[in-house]
Amino acid sequence: MTRQYDNPEKQSRDYTEDQTSGGEKFVYLIRQLITVVILPVAIIGGGVYYGMHLKNSGPKAERRERKHNAPMVDVSKLTPTDHTIVVHAMGTIIPSRKISLYPQVNGPDHRDGFTT
């Protein structure tokens, strides 16, 4: 069924199902199949193939038998003992200055000791 137009130019530019041939529909479907299905699958498949090729093309590590390394230190068991340590020094040790630290938080002042 064709449409009736007052303007004959408009009628010639209107493509309805009656005016398209089976060959044009086939070409359209093939073009859609290529752009929607085949091309994306080919790109993804090529990427997977290239990735597997890169993974498998690297150098292979050969297995070697593990060597047993002996410890380089002597180990002895510790036992508690009483021993007096003597430090030889001259003079009395005193601090160079006396510092009192107080927290800077809210609450009662406890500088003179704990008060309740």
PDB file of N, CA and C in Angstrom:
ATOM      1  N   MET A   1       0.851  -1.161   0.000  1.00  0.00           N
ATOM      2  CA  MET A   1       0.000   0.000   0.000  1.00  0.00           C
ATOM      3  C   MET A   1       0.903   1.232   0.000  1.00  0.00           C
ATOM      4  N   THR A   2       0.733   2.119  -0.943  1.00  0.00           N
ATOM      5  CA  THR A   2       1.534   3.329  -1.045  1.00  0.00           C
ATOM      6  C   THR A   2       0.728   4.502  -0.541  1.00  0.00           C
ATOM      7  N   ARG A   3       1.449   5.501  -0.073  1.00  0.00           N
ATOM      8  CA  ARG A   3       0.795   6.702   0.440  1.00  0.00           C
ATOM      9  C   ARG A   3       0.553   7.677  -0.701  1.00  0.00           C
ATOM     10  N   GLN A   4      -0.502   8.400  -0.585  1.00  0.00           N
ATOM     11  CA  GLN A   4      -0.832   9.419  -1.580  1.00  0.00           C
ATOM     12  C   GLN A   4      -0.398  10.776  -1.043  1.00  0.00           C
ATOM     13  N   TYR A   5       0.397  11.507  -1.814  1.00  0.00           N
ATOM     14  CA  TYR A   5       0.858  12.835  -1.433  1.00  0.00           C
ATOM     15  C   TYR A   5       0.448  13.826  -2.507  1.00  0.00           C
ATOM     16  N   ASP A   6       0.285  15.061  -2.060  1.00  0.00           N
ATOM     17  CA  ASP A   6       0.008  16.124  -3.014  1.00  0.00           C
ATOM     18  C   ASP A   6       1.267  16.470  -3.799  1.00  0.00           C
ATOM     19  N   ASN A   7       2.416  16.359  -3.164  1.00  0.00           N
ATOM     20  CA  ASN A   7       3.687  16.707  -3.784  1.00  0.00           C
ATOM     21  C   ASN A   7       4.332  15.425  -4.329  1.00  0.00           C
ATOM     22  N   PRO A   8       4.551  15.317  -5.635  1.00  0.00           N
ATOM     23  CA  PRO A   8       5.122  14.088  -6.196  1.00  0.00           C
ATOM     24  C   PRO A   8       6.576  13.853  -5.774  1.00  0.00           C
ATOM     25  N   GLU A   9       7.335  14.935  -5.439  1.00  0.00           N
ATOM     26  CA  GLU A   9       8.721  14.754  -5.000  1.00  0.00           C
ATOM     27  C   GLU A   9       8.773  14.015  -3.670  1.00  0.00           C
ATOM     28  N   LYS A  10       7.864  14.357  -2.779  1.00  0.00           N
ATOM     29  CA  LYS A  10       7.829  13.734  -1.473  1.00  0.00           C
ATOM     30  C   LYS A  10       7.501  12.248  -1.606  1.00  0.00           C
ATOM     31  N   GLN A  11       6.670  11.912  -2.553  1.00  0.00           N
ATOM     32  CA  GLN A  11       6.299  10.522  -2.757  1.00  0.00           C
ATOM     33  C   GLN A  11       7.495   9.709  -3.253  1.00  0.00           C
ATOM     34  N   SER A  12       8.367  10.284  -4.041  1.00  0.00           N
ATOM     35  CA  SER A  12       9.504   9.544  -4.571  1.00  0.00           C
ATOM     36  C   SER A  12      10.574   9.316  -3.498  1.00  0.00           C
ATOM     37  N   ARG A  13      10.628  10.190  -2.470  1.00  0.00           N
ATOM     38  CA  ARG A  13      11.618  10.031  -1.413  1.00  0.00           C
ATOM     39  C   ARG A  13      11.128   9.140  -0.283  1.00  0.00           C
ATOM     40  N   ASP A  14       9.865   8.771  -0.259  1.00  0.00           N
ATOM     41  CA  ASP A  14       9.311   7.951   0.811  1.00  0.00           C
ATOM     42  C   ASP A  14       9.562   6.481   0.492  1.00  0.00           C
ATOM     43  N   TYR A  15      10.376   5.826   1.362  1.00  0.00           N
ATOM     44  CA  TYR A  15      10.672   4.416   1.141  1.00  0.00           C
ATOM     45  C   TYR A  15       9.815   3.593   2.080  1.00  0.00           C
ATOM     46  N   THR A  16       8.859   2.938   1.558  1.00  0.00           N
ATOM     47  CA  THR A  16       8.014   2.062   2.361  1.00  0.00           C
ATOM     48  C   THR A  16       8.439   0.630   2.112  1.00  0.00           C
ATOM     49  N   GLU A  17       7.843  -0.287   2.814  1.00  0.00           N
ATOM     50  CA  GLU A  17       8.199  -1.690   2.664  1.00  0.00           C
ATOM     51  C   GLU A  17       7.915  -2.197   1.256  1.00  0.00           C
ATOM     52  N   ASP A  18       6.938  -1.606   0.612  1.00  0.00           N
ATOM     53  CA  ASP A  18       6.611  -2.052  -0.734  1.00  0.00           C
ATOM     54  C   ASP A  18       7.710  -1.685  -1.726  1.00  0.00           C
ATOM     55  N   GLN A  19       8.438  -0.586  -1.445  1.00  0.00           N
ATOM     56  CA  GLN A  19       9.429  -0.111  -2.399  1.00  0.00           C
ATOM     57  C   GLN A  19      10.816  -0.718  -2.171  1.00  0.00           C
ATOM     58  N   THR A  20      11.076  -1.321  -1.000  1.00  0.00           N
ATOM     59  CA  THR A  20      12.385  -1.932  -0.769  1.00  0.00           C
ATOM     60  C   THR A  20      12.345  -3.370  -1.245  1.00  0.00           C
ATOM     61  N   SER A  21      13.428  -3.767  -1.874  1.00  0.00           N
ATOM     62  CA  SER A  21      13.470  -5.122  -2.418  1.00  0.00           C
ATOM     63  C   SER A  21      14.024  -6.085  -1.368  1.00  0.00           C
ATOM     64  N   GLY A  22      13.898  -7.334  -1.628  1.00  0.00           N
ATOM     65  CA  GLY A  22      14.418  -8.350  -0.720  1.00  0.00           C
ATOM     66  C   GLY A  22      15.928  -8.299  -0.623  1.00  0.00           C
ATOM     67  N   GLY A  23      16.589  -7.913  -1.708  1.00  0.00           N
ATOM     68  CA  GLY A  23      18.046  -7.807  -1.707  1.00  0.00           C
ATOM     69  C   GLY A  23      18.536  -6.704  -0.791  1.00  0.00           C
ATOM     70  N   GLU A  24      17.817  -5.579  -0.768  1.00  0.00           N
ATOM     71  CA  GLU A  24      18.209  -4.476   0.116  1.00  0.00           C
ATOM     72  C   GLU A  24      18.039  -4.871   1.571  1.00  0.00           C
ATOM     73  N   LYS A  25      16.979  -5.608   1.881  1.00  0.00           N
ATOM     74  CA  LYS A  25      16.776  -6.069   3.258  1.00  0.00           C
ATOM     75  C   LYS A  25      17.888  -7.039   3.657  1.00  0.00           C
ATOM     76  N   PHE A  26      18.276  -7.906   2.752  1.00  0.00           N
ATOM     77  CA  PHE A  26      19.336  -8.869   3.027  1.00  0.00           C
ATOM     78  C   PHE A  26      20.661  -8.159   3.291  1.00  0.00           C
ATOM     79  N   VAL A  27      20.967  -7.166   2.471  1.00  0.00           N
ATOM     80  CA  VAL A  27      22.204  -6.399   2.652  1.00  0.00           C
ATOM     81  C   VAL A  27      22.170  -5.664   3.988  1.00  0.00           C
ATOM     82  N   TYR A  28      21.031  -5.113   4.344  1.00  0.00           N
ATOM     83  CA  TYR A  28      20.885  -4.411   5.616  1.00  0.00           C
ATOM     84  C   TYR A  28      21.098  -5.381   6.781  1.00  0.00           C
ATOM     85  N   LEU A  29      20.509  -6.568   6.712  1.00  0.00           N
ATOM     86  CA  LEU A  29      20.664  -7.547   7.787  1.00  0.00           C
ATOM     87  C   LEU A  29      22.108  -8.030   7.901  1.00  0.00           C
ATOM     88  N   ILE A  30      22.760  -8.242   6.771  1.00  0.00           N
ATOM     89  CA  ILE A  30      24.163  -8.661   6.791  1.00  0.00           C
ATOM     90  C   ILE A  30      25.035  -7.562   7.395  1.00  0.00           C
ATOM     91  N   ARG A  31      24.780  -6.314   7.019  1.00  0.00           N
ATOM     92  CA  ARG A  31      25.541  -5.186   7.556  1.00  0.00           C
ATOM     93  C   ARG A  31      25.331  -5.079   9.073  1.00  0.00           C
ATOM     94  N   GLN A  32      24.108  -5.259   9.544  1.00  0.00           N
ATOM     95  CA  GLN A  32      23.818  -5.229  10.980  1.00  0.00           C
ATOM     96  C   GLN A  32      24.514  -6.390  11.686  1.00  0.00           C
ATOM     97  N   LEU A  33      24.481  -7.563  11.084  1.00  0.00           N
ATOM     98  CA  LEU A  33      25.129  -8.729  11.675  1.00  0.00           C
ATOM     99  C   LEU A  33      26.629  -8.496  11.830  1.00  0.00           C
ATOM    100  N   ILE A  34      27.238  -7.907  10.819  1.00  0.00           N
ATOM    101  CA  ILE A  34      28.678  -7.651  10.876  1.00  0.00           C
ATOM    102  C   ILE A  34      28.999  -6.619  11.946  1.00  0.00           C
ATOM    103  N   THR A  35      28.269  -5.506  11.989  1.00  0.00           N
ATOM    104  CA  THR A  35      28.609  -4.426  12.919  1.00  0.00           C
ATOM    105  C   THR A  35      28.199  -4.728  14.353  1.00  0.00           C
ATOM    106  N   VAL A  36      27.168  -5.519  14.564  1.00  0.00           N
ATOM    107  CA  VAL A  36      26.675  -5.747  15.924  1.00  0.00           C
ATOM    108  C   VAL A  36      27.237  -7.032  16.522  1.00  0.00           C
ATOM    109  N   VAL A  37      27.472  -8.046  15.720  1.00  0.00           N
ATOM    110  CA  VAL A  37      27.872  -9.339  16.269  1.00  0.00           C
ATOM    111  C   VAL A  37      29.312  -9.697  15.895  1.00  0.00           C
ATOM    112  N   ILE A  38      29.596  -9.786  14.630  1.00  0.00           N
ATOM    113  CA  ILE A  38      30.870 -10.350  14.179  1.00  0.00           C
ATOM    114  C   ILE A  38      32.052  -9.455  14.538  1.00  0.00           C
ATOM    115  N   LEU A  39      31.956  -8.165  14.303  1.00  0.00           N
ATOM    116  CA  LEU A  39      33.069  -7.254  14.585  1.00  0.00           C
ATOM    117  C   LEU A  39      33.406  -7.205  16.082  1.00  0.00           C
ATOM    118  N   PRO A  40      32.441  -7.020  16.998  1.00  0.00           N
ATOM    119  CA  PRO A  40      32.808  -7.043  18.424  1.00  0.00           C
ATOM    120  C   PRO A  40      33.380  -8.383  18.885  1.00  0.00           C
ATOM    121  N   VAL A  41      32.816  -9.487  18.394  1.00  0.00           N
ATOM    122  CA  VAL A  41      33.344 -10.800  18.775  1.00  0.00           C
ATOM    123  C   VAL A  41      34.770 -10.961  18.254  1.00  0.00           C
ATOM    124  N   ALA A  42      35.048 -10.479  17.057  1.00  0.00           N
ATOM    125  CA  ALA A  42      36.401 -10.574  16.499  1.00  0.00           C
ATOM    126  C   ALA A  42      37.383  -9.727  17.302  1.00  0.00           C
ATOM    127  N   ILE A  43      36.975  -8.544  17.713  1.00  0.00           N
ATOM    128  CA  ILE A  43      37.868  -7.678  18.502  1.00  0.00           C
ATOM    129  C   ILE A  43      38.155  -8.305  19.861  1.00  0.00           C
ATOM    130  N   ILE A  44      37.119  -8.797  20.537  1.00  0.00           N
ATOM    131  CA  ILE A  44      37.321  -9.421  21.848  1.00  0.00           C
ATOM    132  C   ILE A  44      38.147 -10.701  21.707  1.00  0.00           C
ATOM    133  N   GLY A  45      37.845 -11.496  20.700  1.00  0.00           N
ATOM    134  CA  GLY A  45      38.617 -12.723  20.473  1.00  0.00           C
ATOM    135  C   GLY A  45      40.074 -12.433  20.168  1.00  0.00           C
ATOM    136  N   GLY A  46      40.329 -11.396  19.377  1.00  0.00           N
ATOM    137  CA  GLY A  46      41.712 -11.013  19.091  1.00  0.00           C
ATOM    138  C   GLY A  46      42.441 -10.572  20.344  1.00  0.00           C
ATOM    139  N   GLY A  47      41.754  -9.842  21.208  1.00  0.00           N
ATOM    140  CA  GLY A  47      42.374  -9.419  22.464  1.00  0.00           C
ATOM    141  C   GLY A  47      42.695 -10.596  23.369  1.00  0.00           C
ATOM    142  N   VAL A  48      41.777 -11.554  23.450  1.00  0.00           N
ATOM    143  CA  VAL A  48      42.020 -12.751  24.264  1.00  0.00           C
ATOM    144  C   VAL A  48      43.188 -13.549  23.690  1.00  0.00           C
ATOM    145  N   TYR A  49      43.216 -13.717  22.379  1.00  0.00           N
ATOM    146  CA  TYR A  49      44.311 -14.452  21.735  1.00  0.00           C
ATOM    147  C   TYR A  49      45.651 -13.761  21.986  1.00  0.00           C
ATOM    148  N   TYR A  50      45.698 -12.442  21.834  1.00  0.00           N
ATOM    149  CA  TYR A  50      46.934 -11.693  22.044  1.00  0.00           C
ATOM    150  C   TYR A  50      47.373 -11.783  23.503  1.00  0.00           C
ATOM    151  N   GLY A  51      46.420 -11.699  24.434  1.00  0.00           N
ATOM    152  CA  GLY A  51      46.760 -11.818  25.852  1.00  0.00           C
ATOM    153  C   GLY A  51      47.323 -13.186  26.195  1.00  0.00           C
ATOM    154  N   MET A  52      46.720 -14.241  25.654  1.00  0.00           N
ATOM    155  CA  MET A  52      47.237 -15.586  25.908  1.00  0.00           C
ATOM    156  C   MET A  52      48.607 -15.771  25.265  1.00  0.00           C
ATOM    157  N   HIS A  53      48.798 -15.168  24.102  1.00  0.00           N
ATOM    158  CA  HIS A  53      50.101 -15.244  23.437  1.00  0.00           C
ATOM    159  C   HIS A  53      51.165 -14.563  24.291  1.00  0.00           C
ATOM    160  N   LEU A  54      50.860 -13.392  24.846  1.00  0.00           N
ATOM    161  CA  LEU A  54      51.821 -12.697  25.704  1.00  0.00           C
ATOM    162  C   LEU A  54      52.116 -13.498  26.966  1.00  0.00           C
ATOM    163  N   LYS A  55      51.083 -14.097  27.534  1.00  0.00           N
ATOM    164  CA  LYS A  55      51.263 -14.871  28.761  1.00  0.00           C
ATOM    165  C   LYS A  55      52.143 -16.089  28.520  1.00  0.00           C
ATOM    166  N   ASN A  56      51.956 -16.753  27.404  1.00  0.00           N
ATOM    167  CA  ASN A  56      52.692 -17.982  27.128  1.00  0.00           C
ATOM    168  C   ASN A  56      54.048 -17.750  26.473  1.00  0.00           C
ATOM    169  N   SER A  57      54.356 -16.539  26.036  1.00  0.00           N
ATOM    170  CA  SER A  57      55.607 -16.304  25.320  1.00  0.00           C
ATOM    171  C   SER A  57      56.758 -15.925  26.237  1.00  0.00           C
ATOM    172  N   GLY A  58      56.512 -15.747  27.524  1.00  0.00           N
ATOM    173  CA  GLY A  58      57.573 -15.355  28.445  1.00  0.00           C
ATOM    174  C   GLY A  58      58.515 -16.507  28.750  1.00  0.00           C
ATOM    175  N   PRO A  59      59.645 -16.201  29.376  1.00  0.00           N
ATOM    176  CA  PRO A  59      60.589 -17.266  29.717  1.00  0.00           C
ATOM    177  C   PRO A  59      60.002 -18.183  30.792  1.00  0.00           C
ATOM    178  N   LYS A  60      60.321 -19.447  30.686  1.00  0.00           N
ATOM    179  CA  LYS A  60      59.824 -20.437  31.639  1.00  0.00           C
ATOM    180  C   LYS A  60      60.862 -20.633  32.739  1.00  0.00           C
ATOM    181  N   ALA A  61      60.408 -20.655  33.979  1.00  0.00           N
ATOM    182  CA  ALA A  61      61.299 -20.905  35.108  1.00  0.00           C
ATOM    183  C   ALA A  61      61.449 -22.407  35.286  1.00  0.00           C
ATOM    184  N   GLU A  62      62.685 -22.843  35.435  1.00  0.00           N
ATOM    185  CA  GLU A  62      62.907 -24.275  35.611  1.00  0.00           C
ATOM    186  C   GLU A  62      62.909 -24.601  37.100  1.00  0.00           C
ATOM    187  N   ARG A  63      62.416 -25.774  37.428  1.00  0.00           N
ATOM    188  CA  ARG A  63      62.363 -26.197  38.823  1.00  0.00           C
ATOM    189  C   ARG A  63      63.731 -26.747  39.228  1.00  0.00           C
ATOM    190  N   ARG A  64      64.165 -26.317  40.404  1.00  0.00           N
ATOM    191  CA  ARG A  64      65.414 -26.824  40.957  1.00  0.00           C
ATOM    192  C   ARG A  64      65.134 -27.395  42.339  1.00  0.00           C
ATOM    193  N   GLU A  65      65.977 -28.310  42.748  1.00  0.00           N
ATOM    194  CA  GLU A  65      65.819 -28.899  44.065  1.00  0.00           C
ATOM    195  C   GLU A  65      66.267 -27.889  45.114  1.00  0.00           C
ATOM    196  N   ARG A  66      65.516 -27.814  46.196  1.00  0.00           N
ATOM    197  CA  ARG A  66      65.852 -26.859  47.250  1.00  0.00           C
ATOM    198  C   ARG A  66      67.060 -27.348  48.034  1.00  0.00           C
ATOM    199  N   LYS A  67      67.960 -26.430  48.314  1.00  0.00           N
ATOM    200  CA  LYS A  67      69.123 -26.754  49.125  1.00  0.00           C
ATOM    201  C   LYS A  67      68.776 -26.497  50.584  1.00  0.00           C
ATOM    202  N   HIS A  68      69.210 -27.406  51.437  1.00  0.00           N
ATOM    203  CA  HIS A  68      68.973 -27.232  52.869  1.00  0.00           C
ATOM    204  C   HIS A  68      70.126 -26.424  53.443  1.00  0.00           C
ATOM    205  N   ASN A  69      69.834 -25.237  53.937  1.00  0.00           N
ATOM    206  CA  ASN A  69      70.864 -24.373  54.500  1.00  0.00           C
ATOM    207  C   ASN A  69      70.909 -24.574  56.007  1.00  0.00           C
ATOM    208  N   ALA A  70      72.092 -24.873  56.513  1.00  0.00           N
ATOM    209  CA  ALA A  70      72.273 -25.019  57.953  1.00  0.00           C
ATOM    210  C   ALA A  70      72.284 -23.638  58.593  1.00  0.00           C
ATOM    211  N   PRO A  71      71.784 -23.510  59.817  1.00  0.00           N
ATOM    212  CA  PRO A  71      71.812 -22.196  60.467  1.00  0.00           C
ATOM    213  C   PRO A  71      73.247 -21.741  60.709  1.00  0.00           C
ATOM    214  N   MET A  72      73.473 -20.444  60.588  1.00  0.00           N
ATOM    215  CA  MET A  72      74.813 -19.880  60.710  1.00  0.00           C
ATOM    216  C   MET A  72      75.154 -19.460  62.136  1.00  0.00           C
ATOM    217  N   VAL A  73      74.294 -19.722  63.104  1.00  0.00           N
ATOM    218  CA  VAL A  73      74.533 -19.307  64.486  1.00  0.00           C
ATOM    219  C   VAL A  73      74.438 -20.526  65.392  1.00  0.00           C
ATOM    220  N   ASP A  74      75.056 -20.407  66.558  1.00  0.00           N
ATOM    221  CA  ASP A  74      74.922 -21.440  67.582  1.00  0.00           C
ATOM    222  C   ASP A  74      73.798 -21.024  68.516  1.00  0.00           C
ATOM    223  N   VAL A  75      72.960 -21.959  68.856  1.00  0.00           N
ATOM    224  CA  VAL A  75      71.808 -21.676  69.704  1.00  0.00           C
ATOM    225  C   VAL A  75      72.048 -22.326  71.052  1.00  0.00           C
ATOM    226  N   SER A  76      71.808 -21.562  72.105  1.00  0.00           N
ATOM    227  CA  SER A  76      71.924 -22.115  73.456  1.00  0.00           C
ATOM    228  C   SER A  76      70.674 -21.750  74.240  1.00  0.00           C
ATOM    229  N   LYS A  77      70.342 -22.586  75.208  1.00  0.00           N
ATOM    230  CA  LYS A  77      69.150 -22.368  76.003  1.00  0.00           C
ATOM    231  C   LYS A  77      69.474 -21.379  77.118  1.00  0.00           C
ATOM    232  N   LEU A  78      68.595 -20.423  77.349  1.00  0.00           N
ATOM    233  CA  LEU A  78      68.807 -19.430  78.393  1.00  0.00           C
ATOM    234  C   LEU A  78      68.295 -19.952  79.724  1.00  0.00           C
ATOM    235  N   THR A  79      69.076 -19.661  80.760  1.00  0.00           N
ATOM    236  CA  THR A  79      68.665 -20.023  82.121  1.00  0.00           C
ATOM    237  C   THR A  79      68.819 -18.794  82.993  1.00  0.00           C
ATOM    238  N   PRO A  80      67.856 -18.551  83.880  1.00  0.00           N
ATOM    239  CA  PRO A  80      67.971 -17.371  84.755  1.00  0.00           C
ATOM    240  C   PRO A  80      69.055 -17.576  85.824  1.00  0.00           C
ATOM    241  N   THR A  81      69.852 -16.526  86.064  1.00  0.00           N
ATOM    242  CA  THR A  81      70.902 -16.563  87.091  1.00  0.00           C
ATOM    243  C   THR A  81      70.923 -15.231  87.813  1.00  0.00           C
ATOM    244  N   ASP A  82      71.472 -15.236  89.017  1.00  0.00           N
ATOM    245  CA  ASP A  82      71.654 -13.998  89.781  1.00  0.00           C
ATOM    246  C   ASP A  82      73.077 -13.510  89.549  1.00  0.00           C
ATOM    247  N   HIS A  83      73.171 -12.256  89.115  1.00  0.00           N
ATOM    248  CA  HIS A  83      74.483 -11.704  88.821  1.00  0.00           C
ATOM    249  C   HIS A  83      74.441 -10.219  89.146  1.00  0.00           C
ATOM    250  N   THR A  84      75.442  -9.736  89.816  1.00  0.00           N
ATOM    251  CA  THR A  84      75.528  -8.330  90.171  1.00  0.00           C
ATOM    252  C   THR A  84      76.333  -7.610  89.099  1.00  0.00           C
ATOM    253  N   ILE A  85      75.756  -6.493  88.611  1.00  0.00           N
ATOM    254  CA  ILE A  85      76.424  -5.701  87.589  1.00  0.00           C
ATOM    255  C   ILE A  85      77.042  -4.491  88.268  1.00  0.00           C
ATOM    256  N   VAL A  86      78.299  -4.272  88.019  1.00  0.00           N
ATOM    257  CA  VAL A  86      79.014  -3.144  88.591  1.00  0.00           C
ATOM    258  C   VAL A  86      79.322  -2.162  87.474  1.00  0.00           C
ATOM    259  N   VAL A  87      78.899  -0.894  87.681  1.00  0.00           N
ATOM    260  CA  VAL A  87      79.172   0.156  86.715  1.00  0.00           C
ATOM    261  C   VAL A  87      80.179   1.102  87.353  1.00  0.00           C
ATOM    262  N   HIS A  88      81.319   1.257  86.725  1.00  0.00           N
ATOM    263  CA  HIS A  88      82.349   2.152  87.238  1.00  0.00           C
ATOM    264  C   HIS A  88      82.123   3.540  86.650  1.00  0.00           C
ATOM    265  N   ALA A  89      81.799   4.508  87.525  1.00  0.00           N
ATOM    266  CA  ALA A  89      81.562   5.877  87.080  1.00  0.00           C
ATOM    267  C   ALA A  89      82.012   6.829  88.165  1.00  0.00           C
ATOM    268  N   MET A  90      82.172   8.086  87.793  1.00  0.00           N
ATOM    269  CA  MET A  90      82.599   9.084  88.760  1.00  0.00           C
ATOM    270  C   MET A  90      81.499  10.109  88.927  1.00  0.00           C
ATOM    271  N   GLY A  91      81.146  10.471  90.136  1.00  0.00           N
ATOM    272  CA  GLY A  91      80.192  11.525  90.388  1.00  0.00           C
ATOM    273  C   GLY A  91      78.777  11.009  90.571  1.00  0.00           C
ATOM    274  N   THR A  92      77.886  11.976  90.723  1.00  0.00           N
ATOM    275  CA  THR A  92      76.474  11.691  90.913  1.00  0.00           C
ATOM    276  C   THR A  92      75.729  12.145  89.676  1.00  0.00           C
ATOM    277  N   ILE A  93      74.792  11.358  89.261  1.00  0.00           N
ATOM    278  CA  ILE A  93      74.016  11.712  88.076  1.00  0.00           C
ATOM    279  C   ILE A  93      72.821  12.535  88.519  1.00  0.00           C
ATOM    280  N   ILE A  94      72.706  13.743  87.942  1.00  0.00           N
ATOM    281  CA  ILE A  94      71.557  14.607  88.231  1.00  0.00           C
ATOM    282  C   ILE A  94      71.012  15.123  86.902  1.00  0.00           C
ATOM    283  N   PRO A  95      69.691  15.386  86.843  1.00  0.00           N
ATOM    284  CA  PRO A  95      69.133  15.916  85.594  1.00  0.00           C
ATOM    285  C   PRO A  95      69.562  17.362  85.380  1.00  0.00           C
ATOM    286  N   SER A  96      69.626  17.783  84.133  1.00  0.00           N
ATOM    287  CA  SER A  96      70.024  19.153  83.829  1.00  0.00           C
ATOM    288  C   SER A  96      68.897  20.132  84.129  1.00  0.00           C
ATOM    289  N   ARG A  97      67.652  19.687  84.103  1.00  0.00           N
ATOM    290  CA  ARG A  97      66.520  20.531  84.476  1.00  0.00           C
ATOM    291  C   ARG A  97      65.362  19.646  84.915  1.00  0.00           C
ATOM    292  N   LYS A  98      64.471  20.239  85.708  1.00  0.00           N
ATOM    293  CA  LYS A  98      63.317  19.515  86.217  1.00  0.00           C
ATOM    294  C   LYS A  98      62.080  20.002  85.466  1.00  0.00           C
ATOM    295  N   ILE A  99      61.314  19.082  84.924  1.00  0.00           N
ATOM    296  CA  ILE A  99      60.128  19.435  84.143  1.00  0.00           C
ATOM    297  C   ILE A  99      58.923  18.754  84.771  1.00  0.00           C
ATOM    298  N   SER A 100      57.839  19.517  84.936  1.00  0.00           N
ATOM    299  CA  SER A 100      56.576  18.953  85.411  1.00  0.00           C
ATOM    300  C   SER A 100      55.579  19.018  84.268  1.00  0.00           C
ATOM    301  N   LEU A 101      54.994  17.903  83.924  1.00  0.00           N
ATOM    302  CA  LEU A 101      54.016  17.840  82.843  1.00  0.00           C
ATOM    303  C   LEU A 101      52.618  17.787  83.430  1.00  0.00           C
ATOM    304  N   TYR A 102      51.735  18.622  82.907  1.00  0.00           N
ATOM    305  CA  TYR A 102      50.337  18.643  83.338  1.00  0.00           C
ATOM    306  C   TYR A 102      49.450  18.526  82.100  1.00  0.00           C
ATOM    307  N   PRO A 103      48.405  17.733  82.183  1.00  0.00           N
ATOM    308  CA  PRO A 103      47.507  17.635  81.029  1.00  0.00           C
ATOM    309  C   PRO A 103      46.705  18.912  80.853  1.00  0.00           C
ATOM    310  N   GLN A 104      46.418  19.257  79.612  1.00  0.00           N
ATOM    311  CA  GLN A 104      45.630  20.455  79.326  1.00  0.00           C
ATOM    312  C   GLN A 104      44.199  20.047  78.990  1.00  0.00           C
ATOM    313  N   VAL A 105      43.523  19.497  79.994  1.00  0.00           N
ATOM    314  CA  VAL A 105      42.131  19.093  79.828  1.00  0.00           C
ATOM    315  C   VAL A 105      41.320  19.716  80.944  1.00  0.00           C
ATOM    316  N   ASN A 106      40.026  19.784  80.766  1.00  0.00           N
ATOM    317  CA  ASN A 106      39.155  20.326  81.806  1.00  0.00           C
ATOM    318  C   ASN A 106      39.058  19.337  82.959  1.00  0.00           C
ATOM    319  N   GLY A 107      38.930  19.867  84.145  1.00  0.00           N
ATOM    320  CA  GLY A 107      38.792  19.019  85.318  1.00  0.00           C
ATOM    321  C   GLY A 107      39.489  19.670  86.500  1.00  0.00           C
ATOM    322  N   PRO A 108      39.419  19.010  87.657  1.00  0.00           N
ATOM    323  CA  PRO A 108      40.037  19.590  88.860  1.00  0.00           C
ATOM    324  C   PRO A 108      41.560  19.597  88.748  1.00  0.00           C
ATOM    325  N   ASP A 109      42.183  20.543  89.463  1.00  0.00           N
ATOM    326  CA  ASP A 109      43.632  20.688  89.465  1.00  0.00           C
ATOM    327  C   ASP A 109      44.206  19.754  90.523  1.00  0.00           C
ATOM    328  N   HIS A 110      45.105  18.865  90.151  1.00  0.00           N
ATOM    329  CA  HIS A 110      45.675  17.882  91.068  1.00  0.00           C
ATOM    330  C   HIS A 110      47.170  18.107  91.254  1.00  0.00           C
ATOM    331  N   ARG A 111      47.632  19.331  91.246  1.00  0.00           N
ATOM    332  CA  ARG A 111      49.069  19.591  91.377  1.00  0.00           C
ATOM    333  C   ARG A 111      49.584  19.253  92.773  1.00  0.00           C
ATOM    334  N   ASP A 112      48.756  19.420  93.777  1.00  0.00           N
ATOM    335  CA  ASP A 112      49.189  19.152  95.150  1.00  0.00           C
ATOM    336  C   ASP A 112      48.881  17.716  95.567  1.00  0.00           C
ATOM    337  N   GLY A 113      48.491  16.895  94.691  1.00  0.00           N
ATOM    338  CA  GLY A 113      48.119  15.521  95.031  1.00  0.00           C
ATOM    339  C   GLY A 113      46.648  15.319  94.706  1.00  0.00           C
ATOM    340  N   PHE A 114      46.208  14.110  94.892  1.00  0.00           N
ATOM    341  CA  PHE A 114      44.820  13.803  94.559  1.00  0.00           C
ATOM    342  C   PHE A 114      43.897  14.292  95.659  1.00  0.00           C
ATOM    343  N   THR A 115      42.943  15.109  95.284  1.00  0.00           N
ATOM    344  CA  THR A 115      41.934  15.596  96.235  1.00  0.00           C
ATOM    345  C   THR A 115      40.572  15.199  95.708  1.00  0.00           C
ATOM    346  N   THR A 116      39.671  14.995  96.619  1.00  0.00           N
ATOM    347  CA  THR A 116      38.327  14.616  96.191  1.00  0.00           C
ATOM    348  C   THR A 116      37.337  15.700  96.486  1.00  0.00           C
TER     349      THR A 116
END
